[in-house]
Amino acid sequence: MRDRSRAKRLPTIVTFLDMKARPDIALPPSPAGKIAILRALTPPVHFYRYLYDTIGGPHYWVDRKKLTDSELEPLLHDPGLHLYVLYVDGCPAGMAEFDFRQMPTGQLAYFGLVPDYIGRGLGHYFLFQAVLLAWDRPITRLKVNTCTLDHPRALPLYQRAGFIPYAREERYIILP
């Protein structure tokens, strides 16, 4: 068993946000290139781990790293979990993972871009499209949280998309 007292702990501040109605804001322009957003209905674990690690690695996403493949696979195939993948010119460029298992509340569990695609105007477009996809479900509230370890533009981006902060909390991320 691993000695948790020696594990690396990173301090962070988590901001919790939500929206209680479909946003009524202008659709951002489509970025350059061939853009597609596809739902991965039963994503293979290796593909999910590629997205999760590539997008989340710089921001210390660790929760799913703690799961074995046999623990992660049924979660990925749960009908209440929706994974959308942003493709740019045929390549995976981002992910938006929604958890609808606590209906009528939806949770944007993970959202981000592959580092090579940051700075190309894709974040706002993809987030807005993903939020609209979530509101196509019979939800009454959509939640998301972000922390100070995420990209510095994450919190302003969520607010620009219509999310409103309702709580903040100091936490530690324990690296596996």
N, C-alpha and C. Protein backbone atom coordinates (compact mmCIF):
# COMPACT_ATOMS: atom_id res chain seq x y z
N MET A 1 0.85 -1.19 0.00
CA MET A 1 0.00 0.00 0.00
C MET A 1 0.89 1.25 0.00
N ARG A 2 0.52 2.21 -0.77
CA ARG A 2 1.31 3.43 -0.92
C ARG A 2 1.14 4.33 0.30
N ASP A 3 2.23 4.93 0.74
CA ASP A 3 2.21 5.85 1.87
C ASP A 3 1.67 7.20 1.40
N ARG A 4 0.39 7.49 1.76
CA ARG A 4 -0.24 8.73 1.31
C ARG A 4 0.41 9.97 1.92
N SER A 5 1.10 9.84 3.04
CA SER A 5 1.73 11.00 3.66
C SER A 5 2.88 11.51 2.79
N ARG A 6 3.42 10.64 1.90
CA ARG A 6 4.52 11.05 1.04
C ARG A 6 4.04 11.45 -0.35
N ALA A 7 2.74 11.31 -0.62
CA ALA A 7 2.20 11.67 -1.93
C ALA A 7 2.28 13.19 -2.10
N LYS A 8 2.46 13.61 -3.34
CA LYS A 8 2.52 15.04 -3.64
C LYS A 8 1.13 15.63 -3.61
N ARG A 9 0.96 16.71 -2.86
CA ARG A 9 -0.33 17.41 -2.73
C ARG A 9 -0.19 18.79 -3.35
N LEU A 10 -1.09 19.10 -4.28
CA LEU A 10 -1.08 20.40 -4.93
C LEU A 10 -2.28 21.21 -4.43
N PRO A 11 -2.04 22.39 -3.86
CA PRO A 11 -3.18 23.21 -3.43
C PRO A 11 -3.87 23.83 -4.62
N THR A 12 -5.17 23.97 -4.53
CA THR A 12 -5.95 24.60 -5.59
C THR A 12 -7.22 25.20 -5.01
N ILE A 13 -7.79 26.11 -5.74
CA ILE A 13 -9.10 26.67 -5.39
C ILE A 13 -10.07 26.26 -6.47
N VAL A 14 -11.14 25.59 -6.05
CA VAL A 14 -12.16 25.11 -6.98
C VAL A 14 -13.31 26.10 -7.00
N THR A 15 -13.74 26.49 -8.19
CA THR A 15 -14.91 27.34 -8.37
C THR A 15 -16.02 26.49 -8.97
N PHE A 16 -17.18 26.52 -8.34
CA PHE A 16 -18.35 25.77 -8.79
C PHE A 16 -19.29 26.73 -9.50
N LEU A 17 -19.74 26.33 -10.69
CA LEU A 17 -20.60 27.18 -11.51
C LEU A 17 -21.80 26.36 -11.97
N ASP A 18 -22.87 27.07 -12.32
CA ASP A 18 -24.01 26.40 -12.92
C ASP A 18 -24.79 27.35 -13.81
N MET A 19 -25.70 26.78 -14.56
CA MET A 19 -26.68 27.55 -15.32
C MET A 19 -28.00 26.81 -15.18
N LYS A 20 -29.08 27.56 -15.09
CA LYS A 20 -30.39 26.96 -14.82
C LYS A 20 -31.34 27.06 -15.99
N ALA A 21 -30.85 27.47 -17.14
CA ALA A 21 -31.64 27.53 -18.37
C ALA A 21 -30.68 27.50 -19.55
N ARG A 22 -31.20 27.08 -20.68
CA ARG A 22 -30.42 27.08 -21.92
C ARG A 22 -29.91 28.51 -22.16
N PRO A 23 -28.63 28.69 -22.45
CA PRO A 23 -28.10 30.05 -22.63
C PRO A 23 -28.71 30.73 -23.85
N ASP A 24 -28.95 32.01 -23.70
CA ASP A 24 -29.52 32.81 -24.78
C ASP A 24 -28.46 33.81 -25.21
N ILE A 25 -27.37 33.29 -25.77
CA ILE A 25 -26.27 34.13 -26.23
C ILE A 25 -25.97 33.77 -27.68
N ALA A 26 -25.34 34.68 -28.37
CA ALA A 26 -25.05 34.47 -29.80
C ALA A 26 -24.08 33.32 -30.00
N LEU A 27 -24.34 32.54 -31.01
CA LEU A 27 -23.47 31.44 -31.37
C LEU A 27 -22.13 31.98 -31.86
N PRO A 28 -21.02 31.51 -31.29
CA PRO A 28 -19.73 31.99 -31.78
C PRO A 28 -19.48 31.51 -33.21
N PRO A 29 -18.69 32.25 -33.96
CA PRO A 29 -18.41 31.83 -35.34
C PRO A 29 -17.64 30.51 -35.36
N SER A 30 -17.86 29.75 -36.39
CA SER A 30 -17.14 28.49 -36.56
C SER A 30 -15.67 28.78 -36.86
N PRO A 31 -14.76 28.15 -36.15
CA PRO A 31 -13.33 28.35 -36.43
C PRO A 31 -12.95 27.81 -37.81
N ALA A 32 -11.78 28.21 -38.27
CA ALA A 32 -11.28 27.75 -39.57
C ALA A 32 -11.00 26.25 -39.52
N GLY A 33 -11.11 25.63 -40.67
CA GLY A 33 -10.83 24.20 -40.78
C GLY A 33 -12.10 23.39 -40.82
N LYS A 34 -11.93 22.11 -41.03
CA LYS A 34 -13.06 21.18 -41.03
C LYS A 34 -13.30 20.75 -39.59
N ILE A 35 -14.44 21.18 -39.04
CA ILE A 35 -14.77 20.96 -37.64
C ILE A 35 -15.91 19.95 -37.54
N ALA A 36 -15.78 19.01 -36.63
CA ALA A 36 -16.86 18.07 -36.34
C ALA A 36 -16.88 17.80 -34.85
N ILE A 37 -18.07 17.67 -34.30
CA ILE A 37 -18.25 17.27 -32.91
C ILE A 37 -19.08 15.99 -32.96
N LEU A 38 -18.48 14.90 -32.50
CA LEU A 38 -19.14 13.60 -32.54
C LEU A 38 -19.25 13.01 -31.15
N ARG A 39 -20.37 12.35 -30.89
CA ARG A 39 -20.51 11.65 -29.62
C ARG A 39 -19.87 10.27 -29.75
N ALA A 40 -19.00 9.94 -28.83
CA ALA A 40 -18.38 8.62 -28.76
C ALA A 40 -19.30 7.75 -27.91
N LEU A 41 -20.05 6.86 -28.55
CA LEU A 41 -21.09 6.11 -27.84
C LEU A 41 -20.53 5.08 -26.87
N THR A 42 -19.56 4.32 -27.28
CA THR A 42 -18.90 3.35 -26.39
C THR A 42 -17.39 3.44 -26.63
N PRO A 43 -16.79 4.52 -26.13
CA PRO A 43 -15.37 4.73 -26.43
C PRO A 43 -14.49 3.65 -25.81
N PRO A 44 -13.50 3.18 -26.55
CA PRO A 44 -12.54 2.26 -25.96
C PRO A 44 -11.75 2.97 -24.86
N VAL A 45 -11.38 2.22 -23.85
CA VAL A 45 -10.64 2.80 -22.72
C VAL A 45 -9.37 3.49 -23.20
N HIS A 46 -8.64 2.86 -24.13
CA HIS A 46 -7.36 3.45 -24.57
C HIS A 46 -7.58 4.80 -25.24
N PHE A 47 -8.66 4.97 -26.01
CA PHE A 47 -8.95 6.24 -26.66
C PHE A 47 -9.31 7.30 -25.61
N TYR A 48 -10.15 6.92 -24.65
CA TYR A 48 -10.51 7.85 -23.58
C TYR A 48 -9.27 8.27 -22.80
N ARG A 49 -8.44 7.31 -22.45
CA ARG A 49 -7.22 7.65 -21.69
C ARG A 49 -6.32 8.57 -22.50
N TYR A 50 -6.24 8.38 -23.81
CA TYR A 50 -5.46 9.28 -24.64
C TYR A 50 -5.99 10.72 -24.50
N LEU A 51 -7.30 10.89 -24.66
CA LEU A 51 -7.88 12.23 -24.54
C LEU A 51 -7.68 12.79 -23.13
N TYR A 52 -8.02 12.00 -22.14
CA TYR A 52 -7.94 12.44 -20.74
C TYR A 52 -6.51 12.84 -20.37
N ASP A 53 -5.55 12.01 -20.72
CA ASP A 53 -4.15 12.29 -20.36
C ASP A 53 -3.57 13.44 -21.17
N THR A 54 -3.88 13.50 -22.46
CA THR A 54 -3.32 14.55 -23.31
C THR A 54 -3.90 15.91 -22.95
N ILE A 55 -5.21 15.96 -22.74
CA ILE A 55 -5.87 17.22 -22.40
C ILE A 55 -5.64 17.58 -20.93
N GLY A 56 -5.80 16.61 -20.06
CA GLY A 56 -5.74 16.89 -18.63
C GLY A 56 -4.37 16.85 -18.00
N GLY A 57 -3.41 16.26 -18.68
CA GLY A 57 -2.06 16.14 -18.10
C GLY A 57 -1.48 17.45 -17.60
N PRO A 58 -1.50 18.51 -18.43
CA PRO A 58 -0.92 19.78 -17.98
C PRO A 58 -1.69 20.42 -16.82
N HIS A 59 -2.90 19.92 -16.54
CA HIS A 59 -3.75 20.54 -15.52
C HIS A 59 -4.01 19.61 -14.33
N TYR A 60 -3.24 18.52 -14.28
CA TYR A 60 -3.29 17.58 -13.16
C TYR A 60 -4.66 16.92 -12.98
N TRP A 61 -5.29 16.53 -14.08
CA TRP A 61 -6.49 15.71 -13.97
C TRP A 61 -6.02 14.34 -13.48
N VAL A 62 -6.54 13.90 -12.35
CA VAL A 62 -6.05 12.65 -11.76
C VAL A 62 -7.14 11.65 -11.43
N ASP A 63 -8.39 12.06 -11.31
CA ASP A 63 -9.43 11.16 -10.82
C ASP A 63 -9.54 9.88 -11.65
N ARG A 64 -9.57 10.00 -12.95
CA ARG A 64 -9.75 8.81 -13.80
C ARG A 64 -8.47 7.97 -13.87
N LYS A 65 -7.33 8.57 -13.54
CA LYS A 65 -6.08 7.81 -13.52
C LYS A 65 -6.09 6.79 -12.38
N LYS A 66 -6.90 7.05 -11.36
CA LYS A 66 -6.98 6.15 -10.22
C LYS A 66 -7.78 4.89 -10.52
N LEU A 67 -8.52 4.90 -11.64
CA LEU A 67 -9.35 3.76 -12.01
C LEU A 67 -8.58 2.78 -12.89
N THR A 68 -8.79 1.49 -12.66
CA THR A 68 -8.24 0.48 -13.56
C THR A 68 -9.08 0.47 -14.83
N ASP A 69 -8.57 -0.15 -15.87
CA ASP A 69 -9.34 -0.26 -17.11
C ASP A 69 -10.68 -0.95 -16.86
N SER A 70 -10.68 -1.99 -16.03
CA SER A 70 -11.93 -2.73 -15.77
C SER A 70 -12.91 -1.90 -14.95
N GLU A 71 -12.44 -0.90 -14.21
CA GLU A 71 -13.34 0.01 -13.50
C GLU A 71 -13.82 1.14 -14.41
N LEU A 72 -12.95 1.58 -15.29
CA LEU A 72 -13.27 2.70 -16.17
C LEU A 72 -14.23 2.31 -17.30
N GLU A 73 -14.07 1.14 -17.86
CA GLU A 73 -14.87 0.75 -19.03
C GLU A 73 -16.38 0.81 -18.78
N PRO A 74 -16.92 0.23 -17.69
CA PRO A 74 -18.38 0.33 -17.50
C PRO A 74 -18.85 1.77 -17.30
N LEU A 75 -18.02 2.59 -16.71
CA LEU A 75 -18.37 4.01 -16.54
C LEU A 75 -18.50 4.68 -17.91
N LEU A 76 -17.53 4.43 -18.79
CA LEU A 76 -17.55 5.04 -20.12
C LEU A 76 -18.73 4.57 -20.95
N HIS A 77 -19.23 3.38 -20.68
CA HIS A 77 -20.34 2.82 -21.44
C HIS A 77 -21.68 3.01 -20.74
N ASP A 78 -21.69 3.69 -19.60
CA ASP A 78 -22.94 3.99 -18.90
C ASP A 78 -23.77 4.93 -19.76
N PRO A 79 -25.06 4.64 -19.96
CA PRO A 79 -25.88 5.53 -20.81
C PRO A 79 -26.03 6.95 -20.25
N GLY A 80 -25.73 7.15 -18.98
CA GLY A 80 -25.81 8.49 -18.40
C GLY A 80 -24.56 9.33 -18.62
N LEU A 81 -23.53 8.74 -19.18
CA LEU A 81 -22.30 9.47 -19.46
C LEU A 81 -22.23 9.72 -20.96
N HIS A 82 -22.06 10.97 -21.36
CA HIS A 82 -21.97 11.33 -22.78
C HIS A 82 -20.61 11.97 -23.03
N LEU A 83 -19.86 11.39 -23.94
CA LEU A 83 -18.56 11.92 -24.31
C LEU A 83 -18.64 12.45 -25.74
N TYR A 84 -18.34 13.74 -25.88
CA TYR A 84 -18.29 14.37 -27.20
C TYR A 84 -16.84 14.69 -27.50
N VAL A 85 -16.44 14.40 -28.74
CA VAL A 85 -15.07 14.65 -29.16
C VAL A 85 -15.09 15.68 -30.28
N LEU A 86 -14.27 16.70 -30.12
CA LEU A 86 -14.08 17.72 -31.15
C LEU A 86 -12.98 17.24 -32.08
N TYR A 87 -13.29 17.23 -33.38
CA TYR A 87 -12.30 16.88 -34.39
C TYR A 87 -12.03 18.11 -35.25
N VAL A 88 -10.77 18.34 -35.55
CA VAL A 88 -10.36 19.43 -36.43
C VAL A 88 -9.51 18.81 -37.52
N ASP A 89 -9.98 18.99 -38.75
CA ASP A 89 -9.30 18.41 -39.91
C ASP A 89 -9.03 16.92 -39.72
N GLY A 90 -9.99 16.22 -39.10
CA GLY A 90 -9.92 14.78 -38.92
C GLY A 90 -9.19 14.30 -37.68
N CYS A 91 -8.61 15.22 -36.91
CA CYS A 91 -7.84 14.82 -35.72
C CYS A 91 -8.59 15.17 -34.44
N PRO A 92 -8.52 14.30 -33.40
CA PRO A 92 -9.16 14.65 -32.14
C PRO A 92 -8.48 15.87 -31.52
N ALA A 93 -9.29 16.88 -31.20
CA ALA A 93 -8.75 18.15 -30.71
C ALA A 93 -9.31 18.56 -29.36
N GLY A 94 -10.33 17.87 -28.87
CA GLY A 94 -10.90 18.24 -27.59
C GLY A 94 -11.94 17.24 -27.14
N MET A 95 -12.34 17.35 -25.88
CA MET A 95 -13.37 16.49 -25.33
C MET A 95 -14.28 17.27 -24.40
N ALA A 96 -15.54 16.85 -24.38
CA ALA A 96 -16.53 17.36 -23.42
C ALA A 96 -17.26 16.13 -22.89
N GLU A 97 -17.12 15.90 -21.60
CA GLU A 97 -17.76 14.75 -20.98
C GLU A 97 -18.86 15.23 -20.04
N PHE A 98 -20.07 14.74 -20.28
CA PHE A 98 -21.22 15.09 -19.45
C PHE A 98 -21.67 13.89 -18.65
N ASP A 99 -22.07 14.16 -17.42
CA ASP A 99 -22.63 13.14 -16.54
C ASP A 99 -24.10 13.50 -16.31
N PHE A 100 -24.99 12.67 -16.82
CA PHE A 100 -26.43 12.89 -16.68
C PHE A 100 -27.05 11.86 -15.74
N ARG A 101 -26.26 11.27 -14.85
CA ARG A 101 -26.79 10.22 -13.97
C ARG A 101 -27.59 10.76 -12.79
N GLN A 102 -27.56 12.07 -12.57
CA GLN A 102 -28.31 12.68 -11.47
C GLN A 102 -29.39 13.60 -12.02
N MET A 103 -30.13 13.12 -13.01
CA MET A 103 -31.16 13.94 -13.66
C MET A 103 -32.16 14.45 -12.64
N PRO A 104 -32.65 15.68 -12.78
CA PRO A 104 -32.58 16.52 -13.97
C PRO A 104 -31.38 17.47 -13.99
N THR A 105 -30.34 17.17 -13.20
CA THR A 105 -29.12 17.98 -13.21
C THR A 105 -28.08 17.29 -14.08
N GLY A 106 -27.46 18.05 -14.95
CA GLY A 106 -26.35 17.56 -15.73
C GLY A 106 -25.05 18.17 -15.22
N GLN A 107 -23.96 17.46 -15.40
CA GLN A 107 -22.65 17.94 -14.95
C GLN A 107 -21.68 17.86 -16.12
N LEU A 108 -21.07 18.98 -16.47
CA LEU A 108 -19.95 18.96 -17.42
C LEU A 108 -18.74 18.50 -16.61
N ALA A 109 -18.45 17.21 -16.68
CA ALA A 109 -17.43 16.62 -15.81
C ALA A 109 -16.01 16.97 -16.26
N TYR A 110 -15.78 16.94 -17.57
CA TYR A 110 -14.47 17.27 -18.11
C TYR A 110 -14.66 18.01 -19.42
N PHE A 111 -13.83 19.02 -19.62
CA PHE A 111 -13.86 19.79 -20.86
C PHE A 111 -12.46 20.32 -21.11
N GLY A 112 -12.00 20.19 -22.34
CA GLY A 112 -10.70 20.76 -22.64
C GLY A 112 -10.28 20.47 -24.06
N LEU A 113 -9.18 21.09 -24.43
CA LEU A 113 -8.60 20.93 -25.77
C LEU A 113 -7.23 20.27 -25.67
N VAL A 114 -6.90 19.52 -26.70
CA VAL A 114 -5.54 19.00 -26.86
C VAL A 114 -4.63 20.22 -26.96
N PRO A 115 -3.49 20.23 -26.25
CA PRO A 115 -2.64 21.43 -26.24
C PRO A 115 -2.30 22.01 -27.62
N ASP A 116 -2.13 21.18 -28.64
CA ASP A 116 -1.81 21.68 -29.98
C ASP A 116 -2.90 22.56 -30.56
N TYR A 117 -4.12 22.48 -30.01
CA TYR A 117 -5.26 23.20 -30.57
C TYR A 117 -5.67 24.41 -29.73
N ILE A 118 -4.98 24.66 -28.66
CA ILE A 118 -5.28 25.83 -27.82
C ILE A 118 -4.79 27.08 -28.54
N GLY A 119 -5.58 28.15 -28.47
CA GLY A 119 -5.21 29.41 -29.09
C GLY A 119 -5.70 29.56 -30.51
N ARG A 120 -6.54 28.66 -30.97
CA ARG A 120 -7.06 28.72 -32.35
C ARG A 120 -8.53 29.14 -32.40
N GLY A 121 -9.07 29.59 -31.28
CA GLY A 121 -10.47 30.00 -31.25
C GLY A 121 -11.46 28.85 -31.14
N LEU A 122 -10.98 27.69 -30.74
CA LEU A 122 -11.85 26.51 -30.68
C LEU A 122 -12.58 26.36 -29.36
N GLY A 123 -11.99 26.84 -28.28
CA GLY A 123 -12.56 26.62 -26.95
C GLY A 123 -13.97 27.15 -26.79
N HIS A 124 -14.18 28.41 -27.12
CA HIS A 124 -15.50 29.03 -26.96
C HIS A 124 -16.51 28.35 -27.86
N TYR A 125 -16.13 28.11 -29.10
CA TYR A 125 -17.03 27.45 -30.05
C TYR A 125 -17.44 26.06 -29.54
N PHE A 126 -16.46 25.26 -29.15
CA PHE A 126 -16.73 23.90 -28.71
C PHE A 126 -17.56 23.89 -27.42
N LEU A 127 -17.20 24.76 -26.47
CA LEU A 127 -17.97 24.81 -25.22
C LEU A 127 -19.41 25.18 -25.49
N PHE A 128 -19.63 26.19 -26.31
CA PHE A 128 -21.01 26.63 -26.58
C PHE A 128 -21.79 25.50 -27.25
N GLN A 129 -21.19 24.84 -28.22
CA GLN A 129 -21.86 23.73 -28.89
C GLN A 129 -22.15 22.59 -27.90
N ALA A 130 -21.20 22.29 -27.04
CA ALA A 130 -21.38 21.22 -26.05
C ALA A 130 -22.50 21.57 -25.08
N VAL A 131 -22.54 22.82 -24.64
CA VAL A 131 -23.60 23.25 -23.72
C VAL A 131 -24.97 23.10 -24.39
N LEU A 132 -25.08 23.47 -25.65
CA LEU A 132 -26.36 23.31 -26.36
C LEU A 132 -26.74 21.83 -26.46
N LEU A 133 -25.76 20.96 -26.68
CA LEU A 133 -26.04 19.53 -26.72
C LEU A 133 -26.56 19.05 -25.37
N ALA A 134 -25.98 19.56 -24.29
CA ALA A 134 -26.45 19.17 -22.95
C ALA A 134 -27.88 19.61 -22.73
N TRP A 135 -28.22 20.81 -23.17
CA TRP A 135 -29.57 21.34 -22.97
C TRP A 135 -30.59 20.67 -23.89
N ASP A 136 -30.15 19.86 -24.83
CA ASP A 136 -31.09 19.05 -25.60
C ASP A 136 -31.65 17.91 -24.76
N ARG A 137 -31.01 17.63 -23.64
CA ARG A 137 -31.51 16.63 -22.68
C ARG A 137 -32.53 17.32 -21.76
N PRO A 138 -33.38 16.56 -21.08
CA PRO A 138 -34.38 17.16 -20.19
C PRO A 138 -33.79 17.56 -18.83
N ILE A 139 -32.87 18.53 -18.85
CA ILE A 139 -32.24 18.98 -17.60
C ILE A 139 -32.84 20.31 -17.17
N THR A 140 -32.68 20.60 -15.88
CA THR A 140 -33.11 21.89 -15.34
C THR A 140 -31.92 22.67 -14.81
N ARG A 141 -30.75 22.03 -14.76
CA ARG A 141 -29.54 22.68 -14.25
C ARG A 141 -28.33 21.99 -14.87
N LEU A 142 -27.36 22.79 -15.25
CA LEU A 142 -26.10 22.27 -15.77
C LEU A 142 -24.98 22.84 -14.91
N LYS A 143 -24.17 21.96 -14.35
CA LYS A 143 -23.09 22.36 -13.45
C LYS A 143 -21.73 22.08 -14.07
N VAL A 144 -20.74 22.81 -13.61
CA VAL A 144 -19.35 22.58 -13.98
C VAL A 144 -18.50 23.13 -12.84
N ASN A 145 -17.30 22.62 -12.70
CA ASN A 145 -16.36 23.27 -11.79
C ASN A 145 -15.01 23.35 -12.47
N THR A 146 -14.25 24.31 -12.02
CA THR A 146 -12.90 24.51 -12.54
C THR A 146 -12.01 24.88 -11.36
N CYS A 147 -10.74 24.75 -11.54
CA CYS A 147 -9.83 25.08 -10.44
C CYS A 147 -8.65 25.87 -10.96
N THR A 148 -7.86 26.36 -10.04
CA THR A 148 -6.72 27.20 -10.40
C THR A 148 -5.61 26.42 -11.09
N LEU A 149 -5.72 25.08 -11.17
CA LEU A 149 -4.76 24.28 -11.92
C LEU A 149 -5.16 24.13 -13.39
N ASP A 150 -6.42 24.48 -13.70
CA ASP A 150 -6.89 24.42 -15.08
C ASP A 150 -6.29 25.57 -15.88
N HIS A 151 -6.56 25.57 -17.18
CA HIS A 151 -6.07 26.63 -18.04
C HIS A 151 -6.53 27.98 -17.48
N PRO A 152 -5.69 29.02 -17.51
CA PRO A 152 -6.06 30.31 -16.93
C PRO A 152 -7.31 30.93 -17.54
N ARG A 153 -7.67 30.53 -18.76
CA ARG A 153 -8.87 31.10 -19.38
C ARG A 153 -10.12 30.24 -19.14
N ALA A 154 -10.00 29.16 -18.37
CA ALA A 154 -11.14 28.26 -18.17
C ALA A 154 -12.30 28.97 -17.47
N LEU A 155 -12.05 29.60 -16.34
CA LEU A 155 -13.13 30.25 -15.60
C LEU A 155 -13.80 31.35 -16.42
N PRO A 156 -13.06 32.28 -17.04
CA PRO A 156 -13.73 33.28 -17.88
C PRO A 156 -14.50 32.66 -19.05
N LEU A 157 -14.00 31.56 -19.60
CA LEU A 157 -14.69 30.91 -20.70
C LEU A 157 -16.04 30.35 -20.24
N TYR A 158 -16.05 29.70 -19.10
CA TYR A 158 -17.31 29.17 -18.58
C TYR A 158 -18.32 30.30 -18.32
N GLN A 159 -17.82 31.39 -17.76
CA GLN A 159 -18.72 32.51 -17.50
C GLN A 159 -19.23 33.12 -18.80
N ARG A 160 -18.38 33.21 -19.80
CA ARG A 160 -18.78 33.74 -21.10
C ARG A 160 -19.86 32.88 -21.75
N ALA A 161 -19.83 31.57 -21.46
CA ALA A 161 -20.81 30.64 -22.01
C ALA A 161 -22.13 30.67 -21.24
N GLY A 162 -22.17 31.40 -20.11
CA GLY A 162 -23.42 31.52 -19.37
C GLY A 162 -23.43 30.87 -18.01
N PHE A 163 -22.34 30.24 -17.60
CA PHE A 163 -22.27 29.66 -16.26
C PHE A 163 -22.06 30.76 -15.23
N ILE A 164 -22.65 30.59 -14.05
CA ILE A 164 -22.54 31.58 -12.97
C ILE A 164 -21.92 30.90 -11.74
N PRO A 165 -20.84 31.48 -11.19
CA PRO A 165 -20.24 30.90 -9.99
C PRO A 165 -21.19 30.96 -8.80
N TYR A 166 -21.21 29.88 -8.01
CA TYR A 166 -22.04 29.88 -6.80
C TYR A 166 -21.27 29.45 -5.55
N ALA A 167 -20.05 28.94 -5.69
CA ALA A 167 -19.26 28.55 -4.51
C ALA A 167 -17.79 28.43 -4.90
N ARG A 168 -16.94 28.57 -3.88
CA ARG A 168 -15.49 28.35 -4.03
C ARG A 168 -15.02 27.54 -2.85
N GLU A 169 -13.98 26.76 -3.08
CA GLU A 169 -13.49 25.88 -2.01
C GLU A 169 -12.00 25.63 -2.21
N GLU A 170 -11.26 25.67 -1.12
CA GLU A 170 -9.84 25.32 -1.18
C GLU A 170 -9.72 23.81 -1.04
N ARG A 171 -8.89 23.20 -1.89
CA ARG A 171 -8.69 21.75 -1.88
C ARG A 171 -7.24 21.44 -2.18
N TYR A 172 -6.91 20.17 -2.02
CA TYR A 172 -5.61 19.65 -2.44
C TYR A 172 -5.85 18.54 -3.43
N ILE A 173 -5.09 18.55 -4.51
CA ILE A 173 -5.09 17.45 -5.48
C ILE A 173 -3.96 16.53 -5.07
N ILE A 174 -4.27 15.28 -4.87
CA ILE A 174 -3.24 14.30 -4.51
C ILE A 174 -2.85 13.55 -5.77
N LEU A 175 -1.60 13.70 -6.17
CA LEU A 175 -1.12 13.06 -7.40
C LEU A 175 -0.91 11.58 -7.15
N PRO A 176 -1.39 10.73 -8.10
CA PRO A 176 -1.22 9.28 -7.92
C PRO A 176 0.24 8.86 -8.13
